[in-house]
Each structure stands twice: as structure tokens, then as C-alpha cells.
């Protein structure tokens, strides 16, 4: 069953069960690390929501997709996927400030997990410049340097892009405006030889990017038509 369908039918409970099924193939020490990461993510994001759902659902989908759809068994990458928004959204709970929060992740898990989270954490933006442009420039630059961070970010991106049909209100159009220009960036990154995924996983992701672009374009075209009519 698709991950967003699990979310719609079974909610967080269903996603947790699917996560547990994926994690069962790892050894006990790795299972314990993944459980600790999930517990920390749940604690940090306990009051956060994404439109109609708990924010934790998004983090679970990003991590499950990496294991299930991309065939990744690298536990550091899955841990970082669960915590990919922790430093950006909750630095104070992790010690106060970006660097202190990353140091806490390095202490609890390891420096590689912290480095992966750093690579997908947005920096402070110049308020005088367009925020979306700065976001896209940061994504392209940071992922150019770190192949494994690409894996986390593309799962995050496709969850937002393909899942945009599950979003409501003004966020639908703002998401399309923000993310559509990044589709060709991710296509190029996924086609690189140093992106550490199988050919089948890359083909799956490229199909998801095509679907995301189609949905972004439909949203923006529909909004444009509505504006013209009014």
C-alpha cells in the first residue's frame, strides 16, 4: 500500500507498524538506534502538524521510503532521515542554536548522522533576498557535496511533491511555487554516478519526480486559470 494511503487509512499507528516491519531486518543494536531516533523525533515534533496530520507522519514516510523503496540499509541515513528537521525546527530542545543541536545529535548518535542532518538543514536566510531562491540555491549546493544527503532530501522532496494532493489551503500553491523549480535539480542529481542508489531505485525516483512535476504544474495552471477568470 502506498505510504500516503497508509497515512489516510491507518494514520500514525499504521506508519509506525510499517516502520517496525522495515526495521525488523536489522540487528538488535541497529534496531535500538532506530527506535531511539524515532523516540527523539516524536518527542521534538509532538506538537507539530502538517496541515491535517501530525508532523511525525512525514518523518516516518521519509524514513520508510528510504528503506523500502530505495533499498537502503545504512542505519545512519535512516536515523538522519527521521531527524532531518530536528535541528531546523527544534534547536533549543537540543541544546540551543544550530551548532549546539548538531553537537547533541553527534553525541547521541554519531558525527556522521549530525553531518547528514546539517546537509539538509536550511541556513538562516537573508531577508532582503527571495526566500525560495535562497532555499533552492542551498539545496543544490549542499546536495552537490554530499551524495547520501541527496537520498534523504529526495525522499523528503517526493513526500512533499507527490503528496501535495493531500495538502489543503494556501499551502498547496505555495508548495508548488517553492518546489517545482527543484525537479530538474533532483533529476540531475539522481542521474549522477556517485548517487549511492541502485538503477531500479533511481528509476523509481525519476518516475516520482515526473509525477510531482505534473502535479505542481496542474496546481499552478489551475490557479492561473482561476485568476484569469476572476
C-alpha atoms as a PDB file:
ATOM      1  CA  UNK A   1       0.000   0.000   0.000  1.00  0.00           C
ATOM      2  CA  UNK A   2       1.399   3.480  -0.856  1.00  0.00           C
ATOM      3  CA  UNK A   3       2.678   5.403   2.148  1.00  0.00           C
ATOM      4  CA  UNK A   4       0.175   8.233   1.817  1.00  0.00           C
ATOM      5  CA  UNK A   5      -2.612   5.649   1.575  1.00  0.00           C
ATOM      6  CA  UNK A   6      -1.396   4.065   4.821  1.00  0.00           C
ATOM      7  CA  UNK A   7      -1.496   7.541   6.330  1.00  0.00           C
ATOM      8  CA  UNK A   8      -5.040   8.214   5.158  1.00  0.00           C
ATOM      9  CA  UNK A   9      -6.412   4.848   6.314  1.00  0.00           C
ATOM     10  CA  UNK A  10      -4.359   3.971   9.400  1.00  0.00           C
ATOM     11  CA  UNK A  11      -2.655   7.216  10.418  1.00  0.00           C
ATOM     12  CA  UNK A  12       0.438   7.348  12.607  1.00  0.00           C
ATOM     13  CA  UNK A  13      -0.241   3.887  14.028  1.00  0.00           C
ATOM     14  CA  UNK A  14      -0.112   2.324  10.572  1.00  0.00           C
ATOM     15  CA  UNK A  15       3.090   4.167   9.656  1.00  0.00           C
ATOM     16  CA  UNK A  16       4.729   3.069  12.903  1.00  0.00           C
ATOM     17  CA  UNK A  17       3.786  -0.532  12.146  1.00  0.00           C
ATOM     18  CA  UNK A  18       5.196  -0.265   8.619  1.00  0.00           C
ATOM     19  CA  UNK A  19       8.378   1.275  10.043  1.00  0.00           C
ATOM     20  CA  UNK A  20       8.684  -1.620  12.502  1.00  0.00           C
ATOM     21  CA  UNK A  21       8.361  -4.129   9.646  1.00  0.00           C
ATOM     22  CA  UNK A  22      11.211  -2.452   7.762  1.00  0.00           C
ATOM     23  CA  UNK A  23      13.405  -2.210  10.861  1.00  0.00           C
ATOM     24  CA  UNK A  24      12.922  -5.897  11.733  1.00  0.00           C
ATOM     25  CA  UNK A  25      15.592  -6.905   9.199  1.00  0.00           C
ATOM     26  CA  UNK A  26      18.331  -5.071  11.122  1.00  0.00           C
ATOM     27  CA  UNK A  27      20.333  -6.430  14.034  1.00  0.00           C
ATOM     28  CA  UNK A  28      19.367  -5.581  17.606  1.00  0.00           C
ATOM     29  CA  UNK A  29      21.902  -2.735  18.119  1.00  0.00           C
ATOM     30  CA  UNK A  30      20.699  -1.027  14.924  1.00  0.00           C
ATOM     31  CA  UNK A  31      17.055  -1.556  15.892  1.00  0.00           C
ATOM     32  CA  UNK A  32      17.784   0.162  19.200  1.00  0.00           C
ATOM     33  CA  UNK A  33      19.422   3.128  17.440  1.00  0.00           C
ATOM     34  CA  UNK A  34      16.452   3.478  15.097  1.00  0.00           C
ATOM     35  CA  UNK A  35      13.996   3.247  17.998  1.00  0.00           C
ATOM     36  CA  UNK A  36      15.948   5.958  19.842  1.00  0.00           C
ATOM     37  CA  UNK A  37      15.848   8.196  16.770  1.00  0.00           C
ATOM     38  CA  UNK A  38      12.107   7.675  16.365  1.00  0.00           C
ATOM     39  CA  UNK A  39      11.509   8.398  20.051  1.00  0.00           C
ATOM     40  CA  UNK A  40      13.526  11.620  19.805  1.00  0.00           C
ATOM     41  CA  UNK A  41      11.716  12.707  16.632  1.00  0.00           C
ATOM     42  CA  UNK A  42       8.343  12.007  18.272  1.00  0.00           C
ATOM     43  CA  UNK A  43       9.333  13.996  21.346  1.00  0.00           C
ATOM     44  CA  UNK A  44      10.681  17.006  19.454  1.00  0.00           C
ATOM     45  CA  UNK A  45       7.774  17.205  16.987  1.00  0.00           C
ATOM     46  CA  UNK A  46       4.996  16.159  19.395  1.00  0.00           C
ATOM     47  CA  UNK A  47       3.103  19.439  18.971  1.00  0.00           C
ATOM     48  CA  UNK A  48       3.901  19.994  15.275  1.00  0.00           C
ATOM     49  CA  UNK A  49       1.400  19.426  12.496  1.00  0.00           C
ATOM     50  CA  UNK A  50       1.447  19.390   8.695  1.00  0.00           C
ATOM     51  CA  UNK A  51      -1.962  20.742   7.715  1.00  0.00           C
ATOM     52  CA  UNK A  52      -4.164  17.730   8.619  1.00  0.00           C
ATOM     53  CA  UNK A  53      -1.723  15.331  10.251  1.00  0.00           C
ATOM     54  CA  UNK A  54       0.950  15.024  12.954  1.00  0.00           C
ATOM     55  CA  UNK A  55       4.348  16.077  11.641  1.00  0.00           C
ATOM     56  CA  UNK A  56       5.787  12.744  12.708  1.00  0.00           C
ATOM     57  CA  UNK A  57       3.871  11.085   9.858  1.00  0.00           C
ATOM     58  CA  UNK A  58       6.019  12.962   7.341  1.00  0.00           C
ATOM     59  CA  UNK A  59       9.238  11.894   9.074  1.00  0.00           C
ATOM     60  CA  UNK A  60       8.105   8.266   9.171  1.00  0.00           C
ATOM     61  CA  UNK A  61       7.242   8.301   5.456  1.00  0.00           C
ATOM     62  CA  UNK A  62      10.624   9.803   4.559  1.00  0.00           C
ATOM     63  CA  UNK A  63      12.461   7.109   6.535  1.00  0.00           C
ATOM     64  CA  UNK A  64      10.272   4.207   5.370  1.00  0.00           C
ATOM     65  CA  UNK A  65      10.604   5.261   1.715  1.00  0.00           C
ATOM     66  CA  UNK A  66      14.401   5.223   2.017  1.00  0.00           C
ATOM     67  CA  UNK A  67      14.397   1.680   3.389  1.00  0.00           C
ATOM     68  CA  UNK A  68      11.542   0.191   1.390  1.00  0.00           C
ATOM     69  CA  UNK A  69      11.516   1.981  -1.972  1.00  0.00           C
ATOM     70  CA  UNK A  70      15.212   2.879  -2.236  1.00  0.00           C
ATOM     71  CA  UNK A  71      16.606  -0.332  -0.690  1.00  0.00           C
ATOM     72  CA  UNK A  72      18.909   1.485   1.744  1.00  0.00           C
ATOM     73  CA  UNK A  73      20.220  -0.435   4.766  1.00  0.00           C
ATOM     74  CA  UNK A  74      22.556   2.301   6.017  1.00  0.00           C
ATOM     75  CA  UNK A  75      21.277   2.945   9.547  1.00  0.00           C
ATOM     76  CA  UNK A  76      22.946   6.359   9.833  1.00  0.00           C
ATOM     77  CA  UNK A  77      20.990   7.532   6.796  1.00  0.00           C
ATOM     78  CA  UNK A  78      17.664   6.288   8.197  1.00  0.00           C
ATOM     79  CA  UNK A  79      18.382   7.866  11.600  1.00  0.00           C
ATOM     80  CA  UNK A  80      19.201  11.176   9.889  1.00  0.00           C
ATOM     81  CA  UNK A  81      16.013  10.885   7.826  1.00  0.00           C
ATOM     82  CA  UNK A  82      13.919  10.622  10.996  1.00  0.00           C
ATOM     83  CA  UNK A  83      15.727  13.653  12.425  1.00  0.00           C
ATOM     84  CA  UNK A  84      16.130  15.691   9.243  1.00  0.00           C
ATOM     85  CA  UNK A  85      14.005  18.584  10.533  1.00  0.00           C
ATOM     86  CA  UNK A  86      15.036  18.347  14.194  1.00  0.00           C
ATOM     87  CA  UNK A  87      17.780  20.981  14.143  1.00  0.00           C
ATOM     88  CA  UNK A  88      15.918  23.349  11.859  1.00  0.00           C
ATOM     89  CA  UNK A  89      12.663  23.213  13.831  1.00  0.00           C
ATOM     90  CA  UNK A  90      13.749  22.483  17.417  1.00  0.00           C
ATOM     91  CA  UNK A  91      17.331  23.615  18.084  1.00  0.00           C
ATOM     92  CA  UNK A  92      16.507  24.893  21.584  1.00  0.00           C
ATOM     93  CA  UNK A  93      15.293  21.487  22.741  1.00  0.00           C
ATOM     94  CA  UNK A  94      18.592  20.020  21.512  1.00  0.00           C
ATOM     95  CA  UNK A  95      20.833  22.467  23.332  1.00  0.00           C
ATOM     96  CA  UNK A  96      20.131  25.882  21.828  1.00  0.00           C
ATOM     97  CA  UNK A  97      21.293  27.033  18.396  1.00  0.00           C
ATOM     98  CA  UNK A  98      22.198  25.088  15.291  1.00  0.00           C
ATOM     99  CA  UNK A  99      25.744  24.110  16.266  1.00  0.00           C
ATOM    100  CA  UNK A 100      24.793  23.005  19.773  1.00  0.00           C
ATOM    101  CA  UNK A 101      21.884  20.984  18.391  1.00  0.00           C
ATOM    102  CA  UNK A 102      24.111  19.257  15.834  1.00  0.00           C
ATOM    103  CA  UNK A 103      26.665  18.515  18.544  1.00  0.00           C
ATOM    104  CA  UNK A 104      23.906  16.887  20.608  1.00  0.00           C
ATOM    105  CA  UNK A 105      22.926  14.668  17.664  1.00  0.00           C
ATOM    106  CA  UNK A 106      26.584  13.714  17.228  1.00  0.00           C
ATOM    107  CA  UNK A 107      26.765  12.819  20.931  1.00  0.00           C
ATOM    108  CA  UNK A 108      23.540  10.783  20.931  1.00  0.00           C
ATOM    109  CA  UNK A 109      24.141   9.018  17.627  1.00  0.00           C
ATOM    110  CA  UNK A 110      27.420   9.805  15.844  1.00  0.00           C
ATOM    111  CA  UNK A 111      29.123  12.623  13.906  1.00  0.00           C
ATOM    112  CA  UNK A 112      28.047  11.217  10.535  1.00  0.00           C
ATOM    113  CA  UNK A 113      24.359  11.453  11.498  1.00  0.00           C
ATOM    114  CA  UNK A 114      24.940  15.058  12.553  1.00  0.00           C
ATOM    115  CA  UNK A 115      26.723  15.840   9.273  1.00  0.00           C
ATOM    116  CA  UNK A 116      23.844  14.374   7.246  1.00  0.00           C
ATOM    117  CA  UNK A 117      21.311  16.433   9.204  1.00  0.00           C
ATOM    118  CA  UNK A 118      23.471  19.529   8.726  1.00  0.00           C
ATOM    119  CA  UNK A 119      23.464  18.987   4.956  1.00  0.00           C
ATOM    120  CA  UNK A 120      19.648  19.029   4.804  1.00  0.00           C
ATOM    121  CA  UNK A 121      19.139  21.825   7.355  1.00  0.00           C
ATOM    122  CA  UNK A 122      18.278  25.224   5.908  1.00  0.00           C
ATOM    123  CA  UNK A 123      20.622  28.069   6.885  1.00  0.00           C
ATOM    124  CA  UNK A 124      19.492  31.491   8.050  1.00  0.00           C
ATOM    125  CA  UNK A 125      18.320  33.389   5.001  1.00  0.00           C
ATOM    126  CA  UNK A 126      18.970  36.983   4.012  1.00  0.00           C
ATOM    127  CA  UNK A 127      15.580  38.718   4.498  1.00  0.00           C
ATOM    128  CA  UNK A 128      16.410  41.120   1.669  1.00  0.00           C
ATOM    129  CA  UNK A 129      16.510  38.285  -0.892  1.00  0.00           C
ATOM    130  CA  UNK A 130      13.816  35.938  -2.160  1.00  0.00           C
ATOM    131  CA  UNK A 131      13.494  33.093   0.355  1.00  0.00           C
ATOM    132  CA  UNK A 132      12.568  30.454  -2.222  1.00  0.00           C
ATOM    133  CA  UNK A 133      15.553  31.314  -4.409  1.00  0.00           C
ATOM    134  CA  UNK A 134      17.885  31.041  -1.419  1.00  0.00           C
ATOM    135  CA  UNK A 135      16.319  27.705  -0.464  1.00  0.00           C
ATOM    136  CA  UNK A 136      16.829  26.283  -3.942  1.00  0.00           C
ATOM    137  CA  UNK A 137      20.435  27.522  -4.085  1.00  0.00           C
ATOM    138  CA  UNK A 138      21.170  25.940  -0.702  1.00  0.00           C
ATOM    139  CA  UNK A 139      19.651  22.599  -1.732  1.00  0.00           C
ATOM    140  CA  UNK A 140      21.639  22.458  -4.974  1.00  0.00           C
ATOM    141  CA  UNK A 141      24.912  23.397  -3.271  1.00  0.00           C
ATOM    142  CA  UNK A 142      24.655  21.142  -0.200  1.00  0.00           C
ATOM    143  CA  UNK A 143      23.484  18.095  -2.145  1.00  0.00           C
ATOM    144  CA  UNK A 144      26.196  18.549  -4.743  1.00  0.00           C
ATOM    145  CA  UNK A 145      28.728  17.883  -1.969  1.00  0.00           C
ATOM    146  CA  UNK A 146      27.028  15.031  -0.110  1.00  0.00           C
ATOM    147  CA  UNK A 147      25.652  12.048  -2.080  1.00  0.00           C
ATOM    148  CA  UNK A 148      23.963  10.396   0.925  1.00  0.00           C
ATOM    149  CA  UNK A 149      22.248  13.648   1.876  1.00  0.00           C
ATOM    150  CA  UNK A 150      20.684  13.535  -1.609  1.00  0.00           C
ATOM    151  CA  UNK A 151      18.945  10.297  -0.635  1.00  0.00           C
ATOM    152  CA  UNK A 152      17.344  11.897   2.424  1.00  0.00           C
ATOM    153  CA  UNK A 153      16.393  15.089   0.638  1.00  0.00           C
ATOM    154  CA  UNK A 154      14.877  13.400  -2.411  1.00  0.00           C
ATOM    155  CA  UNK A 155      12.652  11.290  -0.129  1.00  0.00           C
ATOM    156  CA  UNK A 156      11.630  14.460   1.699  1.00  0.00           C
ATOM    157  CA  UNK A 157      11.063  16.209  -1.636  1.00  0.00           C
ATOM    158  CA  UNK A 158       8.933  13.471  -3.169  1.00  0.00           C
ATOM    159  CA  UNK A 159       6.886  13.204   0.031  1.00  0.00           C
ATOM    160  CA  UNK A 160       6.092  16.901  -0.364  1.00  0.00           C
ATOM    161  CA  UNK A 161       5.769  16.799  -4.159  1.00  0.00           C
ATOM    162  CA  UNK A 162       3.813  13.628  -4.857  1.00  0.00           C
ATOM    163  CA  UNK A 163       1.935  14.163  -1.599  1.00  0.00           C
ATOM    164  CA  UNK A 164       0.898  17.712  -2.495  1.00  0.00           C
ATOM    165  CA  UNK A 165      -2.541  16.345  -3.421  1.00  0.00           C
ATOM    166  CA  UNK A 166      -3.021  15.580   0.281  1.00  0.00           C
ATOM    167  CA  UNK A 167      -2.367  19.227   1.200  1.00  0.00           C
ATOM    168  CA  UNK A 168      -5.125  21.803   1.567  1.00  0.00           C
ATOM    169  CA  UNK A 169      -5.466  25.578   1.633  1.00  0.00           C
ATOM    170  CA  UNK A 170      -2.913  28.194   0.538  1.00  0.00           C
ATOM    171  CA  UNK A 171      -0.030  25.781   1.185  1.00  0.00           C
ATOM    172  CA  UNK A 172      -0.947  23.899  -1.998  1.00  0.00           C
ATOM    173  CA  UNK A 173       0.026  26.753  -4.307  1.00  0.00           C
ATOM    174  CA  UNK A 174       2.954  27.948  -2.165  1.00  0.00           C
ATOM    175  CA  UNK A 175       4.401  24.415  -2.175  1.00  0.00           C
ATOM    176  CA  UNK A 176       4.115  24.199  -5.960  1.00  0.00           C
ATOM    177  CA  UNK A 177       5.860  27.562  -6.395  1.00  0.00           C
ATOM    178  CA  UNK A 178       8.634  26.573  -3.977  1.00  0.00           C
ATOM    179  CA  UNK A 179       9.295  23.051  -5.207  1.00  0.00           C
ATOM    180  CA  UNK A 180       8.617  22.890  -8.958  1.00  0.00           C
ATOM    181  CA  UNK A 181      11.924  24.589  -9.961  1.00  0.00           C
ATOM    182  CA  UNK A 182      13.807  21.934  -7.966  1.00  0.00           C
ATOM    183  CA  UNK A 183      12.545  18.993 -10.025  1.00  0.00           C
ATOM    184  CA  UNK A 184      15.269  19.304 -12.711  1.00  0.00           C
ATOM    185  CA  UNK A 185      17.889  19.730  -9.972  1.00  0.00           C
ATOM    186  CA  UNK A 186      16.894  16.426  -8.394  1.00  0.00           C
ATOM    187  CA  UNK A 187      16.692  14.719 -11.780  1.00  0.00           C
ATOM    188  CA  UNK A 188      20.296  15.667 -12.480  1.00  0.00           C
ATOM    189  CA  UNK A 189      21.446  14.569  -9.019  1.00  0.00           C
ATOM    190  CA  UNK A 190      19.699  11.205  -9.295  1.00  0.00           C
ATOM    191  CA  UNK A 191      21.381  10.505 -12.631  1.00  0.00           C
ATOM    192  CA  UNK A 192      24.869  11.044 -11.223  1.00  0.00           C
ATOM    193  CA  UNK A 193      27.110   8.001 -10.892  1.00  0.00           C
ATOM    194  CA  UNK A 194      28.057   8.922  -7.316  1.00  0.00           C
ATOM    195  CA  UNK A 195      24.461   8.932  -6.052  1.00  0.00           C
ATOM    196  CA  UNK A 196      24.564   5.738  -3.927  1.00  0.00           C
ATOM    197  CA  UNK A 197      21.382   4.043  -5.131  1.00  0.00           C
ATOM    198  CA  UNK A 198      20.623   1.149  -7.470  1.00  0.00           C
ATOM    199  CA  UNK A 199      19.440   1.695 -11.019  1.00  0.00           C
ATOM    200  CA  UNK A 200      15.990   0.474 -10.041  1.00  0.00           C
ATOM    201  CA  UNK A 201      15.779   2.923  -7.138  1.00  0.00           C
ATOM    202  CA  UNK A 202      16.893   5.801  -9.349  1.00  0.00           C
ATOM    203  CA  UNK A 203      14.293   4.867 -11.974  1.00  0.00           C
ATOM    204  CA  UNK A 204      11.607   4.798  -9.289  1.00  0.00           C
ATOM    205  CA  UNK A 205      12.662   8.240  -8.029  1.00  0.00           C
ATOM    206  CA  UNK A 206      12.725   9.710 -11.538  1.00  0.00           C
ATOM    207  CA  UNK A 207       9.152   8.477 -12.008  1.00  0.00           C
ATOM    208  CA  UNK A 208       8.162  10.114  -8.743  1.00  0.00           C
ATOM    209  CA  UNK A 209       9.795  13.375  -9.833  1.00  0.00           C
ATOM    210  CA  UNK A 210       7.812  13.272 -13.088  1.00  0.00           C
ATOM    211  CA  UNK A 211       4.607  12.786 -11.090  1.00  0.00           C
ATOM    212  CA  UNK A 212       5.493  15.601  -8.706  1.00  0.00           C
ATOM    213  CA  UNK A 213       6.219  17.979 -11.605  1.00  0.00           C
ATOM    214  CA  UNK A 214       2.917  17.058 -13.223  1.00  0.00           C
ATOM    215  CA  UNK A 215       1.044  17.810 -10.004  1.00  0.00           C
ATOM    216  CA  UNK A 216       2.882  21.088  -9.417  1.00  0.00           C
ATOM    217  CA  UNK A 217       2.129  22.204 -12.979  1.00  0.00           C
ATOM    218  CA  UNK A 218      -1.542  21.291 -12.697  1.00  0.00           C
ATOM    219  CA  UNK A 219      -1.867  23.249  -9.445  1.00  0.00           C
ATOM    220  CA  UNK A 220      -0.212  26.356 -10.873  1.00  0.00           C
ATOM    221  CA  UNK A 221      -2.115  26.143 -14.156  1.00  0.00           C
ATOM    222  CA  UNK A 222      -5.424  25.743 -12.314  1.00  0.00           C
ATOM    223  CA  UNK A 223      -4.659  28.688 -10.067  1.00  0.00           C
ATOM    224  CA  UNK A 224      -3.614  30.755 -13.053  1.00  0.00           C
ATOM    225  CA  UNK A 225      -6.873  29.935 -14.860  1.00  0.00           C
ATOM    226  CA  UNK A 226      -8.879  30.826 -11.780  1.00  0.00           C
ATOM    227  CA  UNK A 227      -7.048  34.142 -11.511  1.00  0.00           C
ATOM    228  CA  UNK A 228      -7.738  34.913 -15.154  1.00  0.00           C
ATOM    229  CA  UNK A 229     -11.438  34.180 -14.742  1.00  0.00           C
ATOM    230  CA  UNK A 230     -11.737  36.408 -11.725  1.00  0.00           C
END
